[in-house]
Each structure stands twice: as structure tokens, then as C-alpha cells.
Amino acid sequence: MHKLFSIHSAFGRGPGGRISERVSIVSSVKTETVATSPALTAELKTFIAEWKSKPGNLIMVLHRVQECFGYIPRKVAFEVADLLNVPLARIYGVITFYNFFKLTQPGRNRIQVCMGTACYLRGGEDVILEIEEMLGVGLNTVTPDGEFSIEAVRCLGCCGLAPVLVINGQVYGKVLMKDLPSILAQYKKAS
């Protein structure tokens, strides 16, 4: 069993408990073994074969992998390296450089709270704090039941709707604290 470590830029708690962007070394909470990690599907292998000789193939392949799994599983990273004939270090270099890529599986319901300037000034941090309190977990974590994950993101381009919250791609604008319980209730075990 191996722990995954990454160096990345993320929003987190700064001095005085304020949410701020920081660069940190993060150890994933869950560990993956080769037996527990998902493997590449036939469709993904075909996609990789089509992109193998094209410039910029690694980022395109990693985007597709994350689209399929919600993150980049350890075993899949090894398989991608083999299929593209690139060093595993290059795979992890790209994954950890770009904030978009995730090394840990997100919750079934992925909550993203905008921390762009407009959203921050209109209460984005308060939205995060309230959601953390409601779900009992912190930023960049997954609830124990795997239902929700919370992350702060950079500007979502919806500044006129600040503060903005996105759950599974559904945008909620001008979010008020009193609206949060009903918004989250729509996603609890609603599969």
C-alpha cells in the first residue's frame, strides 16, 4: 500500500483561520493499492491510442481519464505512462502542476465555492465555513459517507451572481446562508 503525495496550489486555512491560497504538500487520506485502484477501460485505451502521436496528448488524455473517474487513479497513471511511453514522473508532474487534476476521489456530490474577488467580497468564505459546519468536514475533504466533497475554486466567471456555489455542474448564484440547507438537501442520497 502506498500513500500518494502531491505538491499543489490549493485554497486552505491561513493564519487566523482565514481561507487563503497556498502551496502545500498533501498526503491523500485514502491509500490505493493496485488491487483497489480502477483500471483503464477499453474506451480509454482506444482514446489514448488515437492521441498517442499528437502534440499535447498527455493533457488531453489526463482530462479524459479524470472525466471518466473523477480523479486520476494511481493504477491508471501507471497505465497511461506505459501506453504513452512517457516517464511516470512526467505524468505526476502534469497532474500536480495543474490545479484541475485531482489525485483523490471526490465525493459523489462535488461542491465548489468560488473564491474569486467578487465572490470573496460578497461572502464566499462565509459560504465555505457554513458548508463545512453543516457537513462536519473541512475544505478539500470528503465526507465519511463519500457523499460530498468541498473545494474552493478560482473565479468561475459568474461575478454578477456572487457569491457562487457549484454542485455537480449546477450553478447557484447570489447564495444566502439560509438557502444552503435546502440546496444541500437536494443532493443528499439523491441518486
Protein backbone atom coordinates (compact mmCIF):
# COMPACT_ATOMS: atom_id res chain seq x y z
CA MET A 1 0.00 0.00 0.00
CA HIS A 2 1.42 3.38 -1.00
CA LYS A 3 0.43 6.84 0.12
CA LEU A 4 0.07 9.40 -2.63
CA PHE A 5 1.77 12.72 -2.09
CA SER A 6 1.40 15.82 -4.19
CA ILE A 7 2.64 19.36 -4.16
CA HIS A 8 -0.05 21.71 -5.32
CA SER A 9 -1.66 25.07 -5.02
CA ALA A 10 -4.94 25.00 -3.15
CA PHE A 11 -7.16 27.10 -1.01
CA GLY A 12 -6.82 26.33 2.69
CA ARG A 13 -6.69 27.84 6.12
CA GLY A 14 -4.10 30.55 6.61
CA PRO A 15 -3.08 32.46 9.73
CA GLY A 16 -6.06 33.23 11.94
CA GLY A 17 -8.18 30.56 10.21
CA ARG A 18 -8.80 32.71 7.12
CA ILE A 19 -9.17 30.91 3.81
CA SER A 20 -6.26 31.70 1.54
CA GLU A 21 -4.48 30.19 -1.43
CA ARG A 22 -1.37 28.30 -0.52
CA VAL A 23 1.10 25.82 -1.88
CA SER A 24 1.39 22.72 0.23
CA ILE A 25 2.48 19.12 0.32
CA VAL A 26 -0.58 16.96 0.74
CA SER A 27 -0.83 13.30 1.61
CA SER A 28 -4.05 11.72 0.46
CA VAL A 29 -6.37 10.45 3.16
CA LYS A 30 -7.12 7.24 1.31
CA THR A 31 -4.38 4.96 0.15
CA GLU A 32 -4.70 2.96 -3.02
CA THR A 33 -3.27 -0.39 -3.83
CA VAL A 34 -3.07 -1.83 -7.29
CA ALA A 35 -5.95 -4.12 -6.32
CA THR A 36 -8.26 -1.29 -5.20
CA SER A 37 -7.43 1.23 -7.92
CA PRO A 38 -9.64 1.35 -11.02
CA ALA A 39 -8.10 0.35 -14.34
CA LEU A 40 -8.29 1.85 -17.81
CA THR A 41 -11.38 0.92 -19.78
CA ALA A 42 -11.21 -0.30 -23.38
CA GLU A 43 -12.70 3.04 -24.47
CA LEU A 44 -9.93 4.97 -22.69
CA LYS A 45 -7.26 2.72 -24.19
CA THR A 46 -8.67 3.44 -27.66
CA PHE A 47 -8.69 7.18 -26.91
CA ILE A 48 -5.06 7.03 -25.76
CA ALA A 49 -4.05 5.12 -28.90
CA GLU A 50 -5.72 7.81 -31.06
CA TRP A 51 -3.89 10.61 -29.20
CA LYS A 52 -0.52 8.88 -28.75
CA SER A 53 1.26 10.63 -31.63
CA LYS A 54 -0.46 14.04 -31.33
CA PRO A 55 1.18 17.07 -29.69
CA GLY A 56 -0.30 17.91 -26.29
CA ASN A 57 -1.52 14.35 -25.88
CA LEU A 58 -0.75 14.00 -22.18
CA ILE A 59 -3.06 16.76 -21.01
CA MET A 60 -5.86 15.59 -23.31
CA VAL A 61 -5.51 12.02 -22.05
CA LEU A 62 -5.45 13.09 -18.41
CA HIS A 63 -8.54 15.24 -18.95
CA ARG A 64 -10.37 12.23 -20.39
CA VAL A 65 -9.21 9.97 -17.54
CA GLN A 66 -10.42 12.46 -14.95
CA GLU A 67 -13.70 12.88 -16.82
CA CYS A 68 -14.19 9.12 -16.57
CA PHE A 69 -13.12 8.54 -12.94
CA GLY A 70 -13.48 11.99 -11.33
CA TYR A 71 -9.77 11.90 -10.47
CA ILE A 72 -6.55 10.26 -11.70
CA PRO A 73 -6.28 6.84 -10.02
CA ARG A 74 -2.78 5.60 -9.22
CA LYS A 75 -3.00 2.45 -11.34
CA VAL A 76 -4.35 4.45 -14.27
CA ALA A 77 -1.42 6.89 -14.05
CA PHE A 78 0.94 3.92 -14.40
CA GLU A 79 -1.04 2.56 -17.36
CA VAL A 80 -1.10 5.96 -19.10
CA ALA A 81 2.67 6.26 -18.68
CA ASP A 82 3.14 2.84 -20.27
CA LEU A 83 0.71 3.45 -23.15
CA LEU A 84 2.14 6.89 -24.00
CA ASN A 85 5.70 5.72 -23.39
CA VAL A 86 6.46 8.62 -21.04
CA PRO A 87 8.05 8.53 -17.58
CA LEU A 88 5.66 8.29 -14.64
CA ALA A 89 7.37 11.40 -13.21
CA ARG A 90 6.12 13.38 -16.21
CA ILE A 91 2.55 12.16 -15.59
CA TYR A 92 2.69 13.22 -11.94
CA GLY A 93 4.48 16.46 -12.88
CA VAL A 94 1.50 17.46 -15.03
CA ILE A 95 -1.09 16.23 -12.52
CA THR A 96 0.44 18.16 -9.64
CA PHE A 97 1.20 21.30 -11.66
CA TYR A 98 -2.35 21.91 -12.87
CA ASN A 99 -4.89 22.60 -10.15
CA PHE A 100 -7.63 20.98 -12.26
CA PHE A 101 -6.30 17.44 -11.81
CA LYS A 102 -7.16 15.50 -8.66
CA LEU A 103 -5.29 12.58 -7.10
CA THR A 104 -8.04 11.61 -4.69
CA GLN A 105 -11.57 10.57 -5.46
CA PRO A 106 -14.06 13.40 -4.85
CA GLY A 107 -17.40 12.89 -3.15
CA ARG A 108 -20.39 11.79 -5.18
CA ASN A 109 -21.56 15.40 -4.96
CA ARG A 110 -18.70 17.79 -5.70
CA ILE A 111 -19.22 21.20 -4.10
CA GLN A 112 -17.16 24.08 -5.47
CA VAL A 113 -17.35 27.52 -3.89
CA CYS A 114 -15.97 30.42 -5.89
CA MET A 115 -13.26 32.43 -4.15
CA GLY A 116 -12.70 34.92 -6.97
CA THR A 117 -12.63 38.57 -5.92
CA ALA A 118 -16.35 39.30 -6.34
CA CYS A 119 -17.45 36.10 -4.59
CA TYR A 120 -14.91 36.55 -1.81
CA LEU A 121 -16.08 40.11 -1.16
CA ARG A 122 -19.73 39.04 -1.20
CA GLY A 123 -19.33 36.22 1.31
CA GLY A 124 -17.71 33.26 -0.45
CA GLU A 125 -15.64 32.47 2.63
CA ASP A 126 -18.78 32.51 4.81
CA VAL A 127 -20.44 30.07 2.40
CA ILE A 128 -17.49 27.70 2.77
CA LEU A 129 -17.49 27.98 6.56
CA GLU A 130 -21.23 27.28 6.71
CA ILE A 131 -20.99 24.24 4.43
CA GLU A 132 -18.05 22.91 6.45
CA GLU A 133 -20.15 23.28 9.59
CA MET A 134 -23.21 21.64 8.02
CA LEU A 135 -21.28 18.64 6.66
CA GLY A 136 -18.78 18.31 9.50
CA VAL A 137 -15.72 18.26 7.23
CA GLY A 138 -13.14 20.77 6.15
CA LEU A 139 -12.09 22.25 2.86
CA ASN A 140 -10.59 19.83 0.31
CA THR A 141 -12.01 16.79 2.06
CA VAL A 142 -14.74 14.21 1.51
CA THR A 143 -17.49 13.36 3.99
CA PRO A 144 -17.04 9.94 5.64
CA ASP A 145 -20.00 8.53 3.68
CA GLY A 146 -18.45 9.70 0.40
CA GLU A 147 -21.47 11.86 -0.45
CA PHE A 148 -19.87 15.32 -0.54
CA SER A 149 -16.51 16.93 -1.19
CA ILE A 150 -15.85 20.64 -0.71
CA GLU A 151 -13.32 22.76 -2.52
CA ALA A 152 -12.65 26.44 -3.04
CA VAL A 153 -12.02 27.35 -6.66
CA ARG A 154 -10.76 30.38 -8.52
CA CYS A 155 -13.14 32.64 -10.42
CA LEU A 156 -15.99 30.79 -12.14
CA GLY A 157 -16.84 33.74 -14.39
CA CYS A 158 -20.22 34.38 -12.78
CA CYS A 159 -19.20 37.55 -10.95
CA GLY A 160 -22.61 39.19 -11.30
CA LEU A 161 -24.11 36.28 -9.34
CA ALA A 162 -21.66 36.43 -6.42
CA PRO A 163 -21.32 34.52 -4.20
CA VAL A 164 -21.47 31.45 -6.42
CA LEU A 165 -21.64 27.77 -5.49
CA VAL A 166 -21.49 24.88 -7.99
CA ILE A 167 -22.61 21.34 -7.18
CA ASN A 168 -22.05 18.69 -9.85
CA GLY A 169 -22.04 21.40 -12.53
CA GLN A 170 -25.26 23.08 -11.32
CA VAL A 171 -24.59 26.78 -10.64
CA TYR A 172 -26.22 28.53 -7.67
CA GLY A 173 -25.85 32.31 -7.66
CA LYS A 174 -26.42 35.00 -5.04
CA VAL A 175 -26.25 32.27 -2.41
CA LEU A 176 -27.55 33.19 1.04
CA MET A 177 -26.70 31.25 4.20
CA LYS A 178 -30.41 30.48 4.72
CA ASP A 179 -30.53 28.80 1.27
CA LEU A 180 -27.72 26.32 1.95
CA PRO A 181 -29.73 23.65 3.86
CA SER A 182 -32.30 23.34 1.07
CA ILE A 183 -29.61 23.37 -1.65
CA LEU A 184 -27.64 20.57 0.03
CA ALA A 185 -30.82 18.59 0.82
CA GLN A 186 -31.42 18.19 -2.93
CA TYR A 187 -28.22 16.15 -3.18
CA LYS A 188 -28.28 14.03 -0.04
CA LYS A 189 -28.67 10.41 -1.17
CA ALA A 190 -30.49 11.62 -4.29
CA SER A 191 -29.09 9.06 -6.68
